[in-house]
Protein backbone atom coordinates (compact mmCIF):
# COMPACT_ATOMS: atom_id res chain seq x y z
CA MET A 1 93.25 135.63 131.13
CA MET A 2 93.04 131.86 131.37
CA HIS A 3 96.35 130.19 132.42
CA PRO A 4 97.87 128.16 129.50
CA ARG A 5 97.77 124.87 131.44
CA VAL A 6 94.16 125.20 132.15
CA GLN A 7 93.49 125.98 128.26
CA ILE A 8 95.47 122.82 127.40
CA GLY A 9 93.33 120.83 129.77
CA LEU A 10 90.08 122.04 128.57
CA VAL A 11 91.04 121.46 124.83
CA ALA A 12 92.49 118.10 125.56
CA THR A 13 89.36 117.03 127.50
CA LEU A 14 86.97 118.20 124.81
CA LEU A 15 89.21 116.37 122.05
CA ILE A 16 89.20 113.11 124.24
CA ALA A 17 85.52 113.23 124.90
CA PHE A 18 84.72 114.15 121.19
CA GLY A 19 86.73 111.16 120.01
CA ILE A 20 85.33 108.67 122.13
CA GLY A 21 81.91 109.84 121.80
CA LEU A 22 81.86 109.63 118.01
CA THR A 23 83.59 106.25 118.30
CA LEU A 24 80.61 104.99 120.60
CA TYR A 25 78.10 106.49 118.19
CA LYS A 26 79.46 104.72 115.25
CA ALA A 27 79.75 101.47 117.35
CA THR A 28 76.25 101.62 118.67
CA ARG A 29 74.30 103.28 115.97
CA LEU A 30 76.04 102.28 112.74
CA GLY A 31 77.05 98.94 114.11
CA LEU A 32 80.75 99.01 113.45
CA PRO A 33 82.55 96.52 115.62
CA LEU A 34 85.06 97.58 118.10
CA LEU A 35 87.20 94.45 117.94
CA PRO A 36 88.32 92.81 114.75
CA GLY A 37 87.51 89.47 116.07
CA GLU A 38 83.75 90.11 115.73
CA SER A 39 83.90 90.27 111.92
CA ARG A 40 84.74 88.66 108.63
CA GLU A 41 87.15 89.65 106.03
CA VAL A 42 85.61 92.00 103.38
CA TRP A 43 87.28 93.28 100.34
CA THR A 44 86.61 96.36 98.49
CA ILE A 45 87.82 96.43 95.06
CA GLU A 46 87.54 99.43 92.86
CA SER A 47 88.06 99.47 89.02
CA LYS A 48 89.16 102.68 87.48
CA ILE A 49 88.43 103.04 83.70
CA SER A 50 90.54 106.06 82.41
CA PHE A 51 90.62 107.46 78.76
CA LYS A 52 91.20 110.37 76.60
CA PRO A 53 88.70 112.16 74.20
CA SER A 54 88.61 111.32 70.44
CA SER A 55 86.05 111.97 67.82
CA GLY A 56 82.40 111.12 67.87
CA PRO A 57 80.04 109.66 70.65
CA VAL A 58 81.67 107.77 73.51
CA ASP A 59 80.63 104.27 74.43
CA ILE A 60 82.14 102.48 77.33
CA GLU A 61 81.21 98.97 78.34
CA LEU A 62 82.69 97.00 81.22
CA LYS A 63 82.02 93.43 82.06
CA LEU A 64 80.84 93.12 85.53
CA PRO A 65 82.09 90.13 87.74
CA GLN A 66 79.99 87.03 88.25
CA SER A 67 80.81 86.26 92.07
CA LEU A 68 82.07 82.85 91.42
CA GLY A 69 84.23 80.50 93.48
CA GLY A 70 82.14 81.16 96.71
CA TRP A 71 82.22 84.95 96.57
CA VAL A 72 79.29 86.96 97.61
CA THR A 73 78.96 90.66 96.39
CA LEU A 74 77.63 92.84 99.36
CA GLU A 75 77.33 96.30 97.51
CA GLU A 76 78.15 97.80 94.23
CA HIS A 77 78.55 101.48 93.19
CA PHE A 78 78.93 103.11 89.92
CA ALA A 79 80.45 106.67 89.13
CA SER A 80 78.81 108.11 85.85
CA SER A 81 80.61 111.47 85.95
CA GLY A 82 78.05 113.23 83.57
CA PHE A 83 77.64 109.83 81.29
CA GLY A 84 74.38 108.11 80.48
CA PHE A 85 74.56 104.95 82.52
CA SER A 86 72.91 101.58 82.38
CA VAL A 87 73.43 97.76 83.54
CA GLU A 88 72.68 95.52 80.53
CA ASP A 89 72.28 91.79 80.06
CA VAL A 90 74.92 90.64 77.71
CA GLY A 91 73.91 86.80 77.70
CA SER A 92 75.09 83.65 79.31
CA GLY A 93 74.21 85.09 82.70
CA ARG A 94 76.66 87.99 82.38
CA SER A 95 75.90 91.71 82.78
CA ALA A 96 77.79 94.85 81.79
CA ALA A 97 77.84 98.44 82.72
CA ARG A 98 77.55 100.80 80.00
CA TRP A 99 78.59 104.61 79.89
CA THR A 100 77.60 106.64 76.95
CA ARG A 101 78.01 110.41 76.17
CA GLN A 102 77.67 112.22 72.74
CA SER A 103 80.83 113.94 72.94
CA LEU A 104 84.10 114.31 75.35
CA ASP A 105 86.63 117.27 75.55
CA HIS A 106 88.78 116.21 78.45
CA PRO A 107 90.26 113.05 79.98
CA THR A 108 87.97 111.16 82.10
CA THR A 109 87.81 108.54 84.84
CA LEU A 110 85.01 106.16 85.56
CA TYR A 111 84.70 104.03 88.67
CA TYR A 112 83.26 100.77 89.62
CA LYS A 113 83.53 99.50 93.20
CA ILE A 114 82.24 96.34 94.83
CA GLN A 115 82.41 94.99 98.28
CA ALA A 116 82.62 91.34 98.66
CA TYR A 117 83.50 88.46 100.99
CA ARG A 118 84.24 84.64 100.34
CA ALA A 119 81.64 82.80 101.97
CA ASN A 120 83.05 79.45 101.06
CA GLU A 121 85.47 77.72 98.90
CA ASP A 122 83.23 76.42 96.21
CA ALA A 123 84.89 75.29 92.91
CA LEU A 124 83.83 77.14 89.71
CA PRO A 125 80.38 75.94 88.36
CA GLU A 126 80.09 73.88 85.15
CA TYR A 127 80.85 75.50 81.97
CA PRO A 128 79.81 74.50 78.37
CA THR A 129 82.56 72.27 76.76
CA ARG A 130 83.37 73.67 73.31
CA VAL A 131 86.54 73.43 71.33
CA ASP A 132 87.35 76.42 69.36
CA SER A 133 88.30 76.30 65.84
CA PRO A 134 92.01 76.51 65.22
CA PRO A 135 93.25 79.91 64.27
CA ARG A 136 94.68 80.63 60.72
CA LEU A 137 98.18 80.75 60.90
CA LYS A 138 101.22 81.30 58.47
CA ALA A 139 102.65 78.21 56.73
CA ASP A 140 105.72 78.32 59.10
CA GLN A 141 103.67 79.02 62.20
CA LEU A 142 101.30 76.19 61.38
CA ALA A 143 104.12 73.69 61.00
CA ALA A 144 105.59 74.71 64.20
CA MET A 145 102.46 74.60 66.04
CA GLU A 146 101.63 71.10 64.68
CA ARG A 147 104.95 69.75 65.73
CA LEU A 148 104.82 71.40 69.19
CA VAL A 149 101.38 69.74 69.79
CA GLU A 150 102.69 66.42 68.51
CA VAL A 151 105.51 66.56 70.91
CA LEU A 152 103.40 67.60 73.79
CA LYS A 153 100.92 64.53 73.21
CA GLU A 154 103.67 62.19 72.88
CA ARG A 155 105.17 63.30 76.40
CA SER A 156 101.80 63.42 78.01
CA THR A 157 99.25 60.97 79.41
CA GLY A 158 96.15 63.31 79.11
CA PRO A 159 95.01 66.81 79.05
CA GLU A 160 96.27 67.73 82.53
CA SER A 161 99.76 66.49 82.11
CA LEU A 162 99.87 68.12 78.43
CA VAL A 163 98.93 71.49 79.91
CA LYS A 164 101.72 71.24 82.50
CA LEU A 165 104.12 70.39 79.91
CA MET A 166 103.08 73.21 77.61
CA ILE A 167 103.27 75.77 80.49
CA GLN A 168 106.76 74.51 81.48
CA GLN A 169 107.92 74.60 77.95
CA LEU A 170 106.67 78.10 77.30
CA ASN A 171 108.24 79.62 80.55
CA ARG A 172 111.65 77.82 80.17
CA ASP A 173 114.78 79.78 79.49
CA ASP A 174 115.73 77.57 76.66
CA PRO A 175 112.29 76.28 75.24
CA ASP A 176 111.83 73.94 72.53
CA PRO A 177 112.81 75.52 69.07
CA ASP A 178 109.03 75.42 67.68
CA ALA A 179 107.90 76.89 70.95
CA GLU A 180 110.63 79.68 70.85
CA PHE A 181 109.54 80.32 67.10
CA LEU A 182 105.97 80.83 67.98
CA MET A 183 106.50 83.10 71.06
CA GLY A 184 108.81 85.24 68.93
CA SER A 185 106.64 85.41 65.75
CA TYR A 186 103.03 85.20 67.33
CA SER A 187 101.05 88.33 66.99
CA GLY A 188 99.11 87.69 70.26
CA THR A 189 99.97 87.39 73.83
CA ARG A 190 101.28 84.29 75.56
CA ASP A 191 97.77 83.61 76.93
CA SER A 192 96.45 83.63 73.34
CA LEU A 193 99.24 81.31 72.34
CA MET A 194 98.41 78.87 75.04
CA LEU A 195 94.81 78.80 73.91
CA ASP A 196 95.56 78.17 70.30
CA VAL A 197 97.81 75.15 71.38
CA MET A 198 94.80 73.90 73.10
CA SER A 199 92.79 74.28 70.26
CA PHE A 200 95.18 72.39 68.03
CA ALA A 201 95.22 69.81 70.69
CA GLU A 202 91.51 69.56 70.58
CA ILE A 203 91.17 70.27 74.26
CA PRO A 204 88.27 72.76 75.51
CA ALA A 205 89.97 75.94 77.20
CA HIS A 206 89.44 79.45 78.02
CA LEU A 207 90.67 82.08 80.29
CA VAL A 208 89.72 82.93 83.82
CA ARG A 209 90.42 86.73 84.37
CA GLY A 210 90.36 88.16 87.70
CA VAL A 211 92.24 90.34 90.59
CA GLN A 212 95.04 89.15 92.76
CA LEU A 213 93.97 90.04 96.18
CA GLN A 214 96.75 92.07 97.95
CA ASP A 215 95.87 94.57 100.65
CA GLY A 216 96.42 98.26 99.76
CA ARG A 217 97.48 97.19 96.05
CA ARG A 218 96.94 100.07 93.81
CA ARG A 219 97.00 100.31 89.81
CA GLN A 220 96.79 96.59 89.62
CA GLN A 221 95.61 95.05 86.32
CA LEU A 222 93.72 91.82 85.53
CA SER A 223 95.56 88.53 85.86
CA SER A 224 94.69 85.34 83.83
CA LEU A 225 94.37 81.74 84.65
CA LEU A 226 94.06 78.86 82.21
CA GLU A 227 91.03 76.73 82.36
CA ILE A 228 90.82 73.39 80.50
CA TYR A 229 88.45 70.39 80.35
CA ASP A 230 90.13 67.07 80.72
CA GLY A 231 86.95 65.00 79.83
CA ASP A 232 85.56 64.84 83.24
CA ARG A 233 86.09 68.15 84.84
CA TRP A 234 87.23 71.80 84.49
CA LEU A 235 90.76 72.31 85.89
CA VAL A 236 92.40 75.74 86.46
CA PHE A 237 96.06 76.27 85.80
CA ASN A 238 98.37 79.04 86.62
CA PRO A 239 100.20 79.94 83.37
CA ASP A 240 103.29 81.17 85.07
CA THR A 241 103.84 78.26 87.37
CA GLY A 242 101.72 75.45 86.19
CA SER A 243 100.34 75.07 89.50
CA MET A 244 96.76 73.58 89.48
CA GLY A 245 93.65 75.10 91.32
CA LEU A 246 91.94 78.34 91.94
CA PRO A 247 94.07 80.47 94.26
CA ASP A 248 92.31 81.75 97.49
CA ASP A 249 93.77 85.12 96.87
CA PHE A 250 91.98 85.44 93.20
CA TYR A 251 88.72 87.23 92.70
CA VAL A 252 87.20 85.91 89.47
CA TRP A 253 86.09 88.78 87.24
CA GLN A 254 85.44 86.85 83.90
CA ARG A 255 85.41 83.63 83.00
CA GLY A 256 85.39 82.53 79.27
CA PRO A 257 86.25 84.52 75.94
CA GLY A 258 85.56 88.13 75.23
CA ALA A 259 86.95 91.46 76.38
CA VAL A 260 86.31 92.81 79.79
CA LEU A 261 86.47 96.51 78.61
CA ARG A 262 85.23 97.92 75.33
CA VAL A 263 85.89 101.47 74.56
CA VAL A 264 84.38 103.39 71.52
CA GLY A 265 84.87 107.02 70.85
CA ALA A 266 87.82 107.34 73.15
CA ARG A 267 91.65 106.50 73.09
CA ASP A 268 94.37 105.53 75.57
CA SER A 269 92.06 103.50 77.64
CA ARG A 270 93.35 101.88 80.75
CA LEU A 271 91.51 99.56 83.32
CA GLU A 272 93.20 99.29 86.71
CA PHE A 273 92.21 98.18 90.08
CA ALA A 274 92.77 99.24 93.75
CA LEU A 275 92.15 97.05 96.60
CA VAL A 276 91.61 97.28 100.21
CA ASN A 277 90.44 94.72 102.87
CA ASN A 278 89.09 95.05 106.35
CA ARG A 279 87.47 92.94 108.77
CA LEU A 280 83.84 93.80 109.13
CA PRO A 281 80.57 91.94 109.45
CA ALA A 282 78.67 91.78 106.17
CA LYS A 283 75.53 93.30 107.60
CA THR A 284 77.60 96.18 108.85
CA VAL A 285 79.03 97.03 105.68
CA VAL A 286 75.62 97.08 103.75
CA SER A 287 74.23 98.89 106.74
CA MET A 288 77.05 101.59 106.51
CA GLU A 289 76.79 102.06 102.67
CA GLN A 290 72.95 102.47 102.98
CA GLN A 291 72.90 104.96 105.63
CA SER A 292 76.10 107.06 104.65
CA GLU A 293 73.77 109.82 103.15
CA ASN A 294 71.62 110.04 106.40
CA PHE A 295 74.52 110.31 108.67
CA ALA A 296 77.06 112.11 106.48
CA LEU A 297 77.52 114.70 109.25
CA LEU A 298 78.78 112.35 111.95
CA ASP A 299 79.85 109.43 110.05
CA PHE A 300 83.55 110.30 109.55
CA SER A 301 84.29 107.09 107.54
CA ILE A 302 87.43 106.51 105.41
CA TYR A 303 85.11 104.31 103.16
CA ALA A 304 83.72 107.51 101.63
CA LEU A 305 87.17 107.83 99.86
CA PRO A 306 88.18 105.92 96.67
CA VAL A 307 89.68 102.54 97.24
CA GLU A 308 93.16 103.91 96.23
CA GLN A 309 93.01 106.50 99.01
CA GLN A 310 91.76 104.05 101.48
CA GLY A 311 94.82 101.82 101.10
CA ILE A 312 96.99 104.93 101.47
CA PHE A 313 95.19 106.04 104.67
CA LYS A 314 95.20 102.68 106.15
CA GLY A 315 99.06 103.02 106.65
CA LEU A 316 98.92 106.81 107.05
CA LEU A 317 96.49 106.49 110.11
CA LEU A 318 99.20 104.49 111.92
CA ILE A 319 101.57 107.23 111.97
CA PRO A 320 99.95 109.19 114.94
CA VAL A 321 100.01 106.02 116.86
CA ALA A 322 103.85 105.58 116.24
CA ALA A 323 104.16 109.35 117.19
CA PHE A 324 102.49 108.83 120.53
CA VAL A 325 104.84 105.90 121.26
CA VAL A 326 107.66 108.32 120.57
CA VAL A 327 106.15 111.05 122.80
CA VAL A 328 105.76 108.65 125.72
CA LEU A 329 109.28 107.15 125.36
CA ARG A 330 110.99 110.57 125.28
CA LEU A 331 109.01 112.51 127.63
CA LEU A 332 108.30 109.94 130.19
CA VAL A 333 110.91 107.29 129.76
CA GLY A 334 113.47 109.83 128.56
CA ILE A 335 115.15 107.60 125.61
CA LYS A 336 117.30 109.69 123.47
CA THR A 337 116.77 109.41 119.57
CA SER A 338 118.46 110.67 116.51
CA GLY A 339 115.99 113.32 115.28
CA THR A 340 112.35 113.58 116.91
CA PHE A 341 110.35 111.41 114.66
CA MET A 342 112.85 109.50 112.59
CA PRO A 343 112.07 106.35 114.51
CA VAL A 344 108.34 106.56 113.17
CA LEU A 345 109.80 106.47 109.59
CA ILE A 346 111.96 103.55 110.55
CA ALA A 347 108.82 101.83 112.21
CA LEU A 348 107.03 102.53 108.79
CA ALA A 349 109.81 100.86 106.94
CA PHE A 350 109.69 97.75 109.21
CA LEU A 351 106.10 97.33 108.44
CA GLN A 352 107.14 96.53 104.80
CA THR A 353 110.32 94.60 105.46
CA THR A 354 109.44 92.75 108.51
CA LEU A 355 111.35 93.61 111.74
CA TRP A 356 114.38 91.29 111.51
CA VAL A 357 115.08 92.09 107.89
CA GLY A 358 114.53 95.70 108.44
CA LEU A 359 116.94 95.86 111.46
CA ALA A 360 119.59 94.15 109.31
CA ILE A 361 119.34 96.53 106.38
CA PHE A 362 119.33 99.55 108.69
CA LEU A 363 122.43 98.47 110.51
CA VAL A 364 124.29 97.66 107.38
CA ILE A 365 123.49 100.87 105.56
CA VAL A 366 123.99 103.21 108.36
CA SER A 367 127.36 101.31 109.36
CA VAL A 368 128.56 101.50 105.92
CA GLY A 369 127.27 105.05 105.24
CA LEU A 370 129.21 106.29 108.35
CA TRP A 371 132.35 104.91 107.21
CA ILE A 372 131.84 106.61 103.78
CA ARG A 373 130.98 109.87 105.44
CA SER A 374 134.16 109.67 107.51
CA TRP A 375 136.15 109.20 104.50
CA LEU A 376 134.21 112.24 102.80
CA SER A 377 134.87 114.35 105.82
CA HIS A 378 138.73 114.43 105.13
CA LEU A 379 137.94 115.85 101.54
CA ASN A 380 136.64 119.09 103.03
CA LEU A 381 133.48 119.07 100.79
CA LEU A 382 130.58 121.50 101.25
CA LEU A 383 127.59 120.32 103.06
CA VAL A 384 125.33 119.95 100.01
CA ALA A 385 127.90 118.13 98.02
CA ARG A 386 128.45 115.78 101.08
CA VAL A 387 125.07 115.10 101.65
CA SER A 388 124.30 114.37 98.03
CA ALA A 389 127.33 111.93 98.02
CA VAL A 390 125.86 110.10 101.05
CA VAL A 391 122.48 109.85 99.26
CA ILE A 392 124.19 108.27 96.05
CA VAL A 393 126.07 105.80 98.38
CA VAL A 394 122.86 104.91 100.22
CA ILE A 395 120.96 104.17 96.85
CA LEU A 396 123.77 102.05 95.68
CA LEU A 397 123.84 100.02 98.77
CA MET A 398 120.17 99.63 98.48
CA ALA A 399 120.57 98.33 95.04
CA ALA A 400 123.50 95.94 95.73
CA MET A 401 121.49 94.62 98.71
CA ALA A 402 118.38 94.00 96.51
CA VAL A 403 120.38 92.28 93.88
CA LEU A 404 122.17 90.10 96.41
CA SER A 405 118.93 89.10 98.27
CA TYR A 406 117.43 88.37 94.86
CA ARG A 407 120.30 85.99 93.98
CA LEU A 408 119.92 84.32 97.43
CA GLY A 409 116.33 83.88 97.17
CA LEU A 410 115.56 86.34 100.10
CA ASP A 411 112.36 88.00 98.96
CA GLN A 412 111.88 90.06 101.98
CA ALA A 413 114.93 91.92 101.66
CA LEU A 414 113.60 93.03 98.24
CA THR A 415 111.57 95.70 99.88
CA VAL A 416 114.69 97.43 100.94
CA THR A 417 113.43 100.31 98.50
CA PHE A 418 110.61 101.04 101.17
CA PHE A 419 113.34 102.61 103.46
CA PRO A 420 113.17 106.50 103.35
CA ILE A 421 116.38 106.96 101.37
CA ILE A 422 116.71 110.72 102.38
CA ILE A 423 116.11 110.11 105.99
CA LEU A 424 118.72 107.58 106.12
CA ALA A 425 121.20 109.79 104.37
CA TRP A 426 120.57 112.62 107.18
CA THR A 427 120.81 109.94 109.59
CA VAL A 428 124.28 109.00 108.46
CA GLU A 429 125.10 112.77 108.37
CA ARG A 430 123.57 113.61 111.78
CA MET A 431 125.44 110.73 113.32
CA SER A 432 128.65 111.58 111.82
CA ILE A 433 128.45 115.13 113.06
CA LEU A 434 127.47 113.93 116.44
CA TRP A 435 130.51 111.46 116.31
CA GLU A 436 132.80 114.41 115.80
CA GLU A 437 131.41 116.61 118.44
CA GLU A 438 130.30 114.27 121.17
CA GLY A 439 131.99 111.02 120.37
CA GLY A 440 131.17 107.45 119.49
CA ARG A 441 129.42 106.82 122.86
CA GLU A 442 126.68 109.50 122.06
CA VAL A 443 126.23 108.02 118.76
CA LEU A 444 125.61 104.73 120.09
CA MET A 445 123.26 106.01 122.55
CA GLN A 446 121.01 107.99 120.16
CA GLY A 447 121.17 105.27 117.43
CA GLY A 448 120.27 102.48 119.86
CA GLY A 449 117.59 104.73 121.27
CA SER A 450 116.04 105.52 117.93
CA LEU A 451 116.13 101.59 116.97
CA ILE A 452 114.48 100.84 120.34
CA VAL A 453 111.66 103.41 119.78
CA ALA A 454 111.20 102.41 116.38
CA VAL A 455 111.04 98.66 117.21
CA LEU A 456 108.44 99.41 119.88
CA ALA A 457 106.47 101.64 117.49
CA TYR A 458 106.45 98.77 115.10
CA LEU A 459 105.26 96.30 117.47
CA VAL A 460 102.22 98.61 118.40
CA MET A 461 101.28 99.45 114.89
CA SER A 462 101.35 95.70 114.35
CA ILE A 463 98.73 94.78 116.61
CA GLY A 464 95.56 93.99 114.80
CA VAL A 465 93.29 95.85 117.24
CA VAL A 466 95.21 98.96 116.63
CA ALA A 467 95.06 98.81 112.85
CA HIS A 468 91.38 98.08 113.07
CA LEU A 469 90.56 101.02 115.31
CA THR A 470 92.48 103.58 113.45
CA PHE A 471 90.99 102.62 110.22
CA ASN A 472 87.28 102.23 111.21
CA PHE A 473 87.35 104.92 113.91
CA PRO A 474 89.71 107.57 112.68
CA GLU A 475 88.09 109.99 115.27
CA LEU A 476 90.07 108.30 118.04
CA LEU A 477 93.03 110.14 116.69
CA LEU A 478 91.43 113.31 118.32
CA SER A 479 91.46 111.51 121.57
CA LEU A 480 95.23 110.60 121.14
CA LEU A 481 95.87 114.37 120.22
CA GLY A 482 94.29 115.30 123.42
CA LEU A 483 96.65 112.93 125.21
CA VAL A 484 99.52 114.18 123.42
CA LEU A 485 98.62 117.89 124.51
CA LEU A 486 98.48 116.69 128.19
CA LEU A 487 101.83 115.02 127.93
CA GLY A 488 103.28 118.19 126.31
CA LYS A 489 102.92 120.00 129.73
CA TYR A 490 104.47 117.01 131.71
CA THR A 491 107.61 118.70 133.68
CA GLY A 492 108.11 115.97 136.05
CA TYR A 493 111.18 113.48 136.34
CA ARG A 494 111.77 111.00 133.58
CA LEU A 495 112.20 107.20 134.51
CA SER A 496 115.71 107.30 133.17
CA GLU A 497 116.42 110.52 135.59
CA LEU A 498 115.10 108.56 138.48
CA TYR A 499 117.49 105.68 137.62
CA ARG A 500 120.28 108.30 137.27
CA PHE A 501 119.81 109.96 140.57
CA ARG A 502 118.92 106.82 142.38
CA GLU A 503 122.03 107.10 144.87
CA LEU A 504 120.51 110.61 146.06
CA VAL A 505 117.22 108.84 146.77
CA ASN A 506 118.91 106.06 148.71
CA GLN A 507 120.89 108.76 150.89
CA LYS A 508 117.48 110.21 151.91
């Protein structure tokens, strides 16, 4: 029978060779870059249309993006899910995807996915200037609208300053009485109210709808910008802040009037977006999409998943890297930690909160939690009740820190909720028990060791090359698994033990 050490060596060698071989295949045959510096930033935007069945035929129409503002579309994909499908011209250079079906008896989700990159920072092209007819309003609404427009005109020097004053007025905590009345009695949204104000002021205006580009964002909905014509050019404004200009992180989906999604024969429809970005050459993305069927067996690519899952796996694929750091530091260096892989979870939290903010949150919560736990120990509570009490205290601490940080304007600390609550509660419980059994010195050693390992794991996961390789070449994790198996058979001295017994070495 083969010796276990030989078995581990063979399995590890096969895993390492297979992972590296598949990586080289994708790099040479499919053109995926091994280094992120060889590429450009490509965004994958997936729209998800979900709805429930109603009566009669189903007709779904989604306006497609026009690739404005310097954006270039590399590839687009549609999921018909048993529907009839077509792409139709709807006028003014626009096109729309249309799904049709005679009947539907179950909730359904349709997908439209594009891959795009921004080639330049071109401004939006010219647009027909047209002032919409003022809407029909009730007598009291009409009077308030006229007074509001008159005040805005008196206090402004032109369309640009008028729009900024209007946005400021509608977003104030104590708006003008007329503005407050209109916002309270208006049947439309705030965006439609702004468009009606522009119409009464005889300023051409429309909405620019698009997607805020945030890597890994899921269930995002369309955002709106206000675009007006000042007599010479078109200007874009943020309706929340009043800032002017098209943001760099805004992908324009539709410019001008009209609904982005039209649903007939269904109910409870919802349009959501999932986003993920990666640095790839444009030609590589197109080549990969075109060859995915030919190389389905070997092209183990995360790009085959829906975008929502891509964003999830972009973070999950970093966990084995952090676990490898823990294995190296525990087996070769000999650092003690509180729990085997708790440092991995702390490192993941650091990715959300940033390092220094995360360290501060961790130290505050664990310190206060240990103090509360020491008080609870005197009450002789059962284990389940004690841990539950600690969980409640930890959540209350997180809520208090979030409110305090918001009041102080510290936005990074608002990500305190990303911390693994249950892990923190168990950390407090484990450290308190360790304090009772081994003393404070052991608590400091294991707690400090956990933080050291978590910080090192965070630093490794934050390296751009590591994130790039794990996402584009997940098969490298097989090679990482082989290294972990080899390290699992290591029985030699750890570095900490060599330091501990240094006097014996000197005596020899």
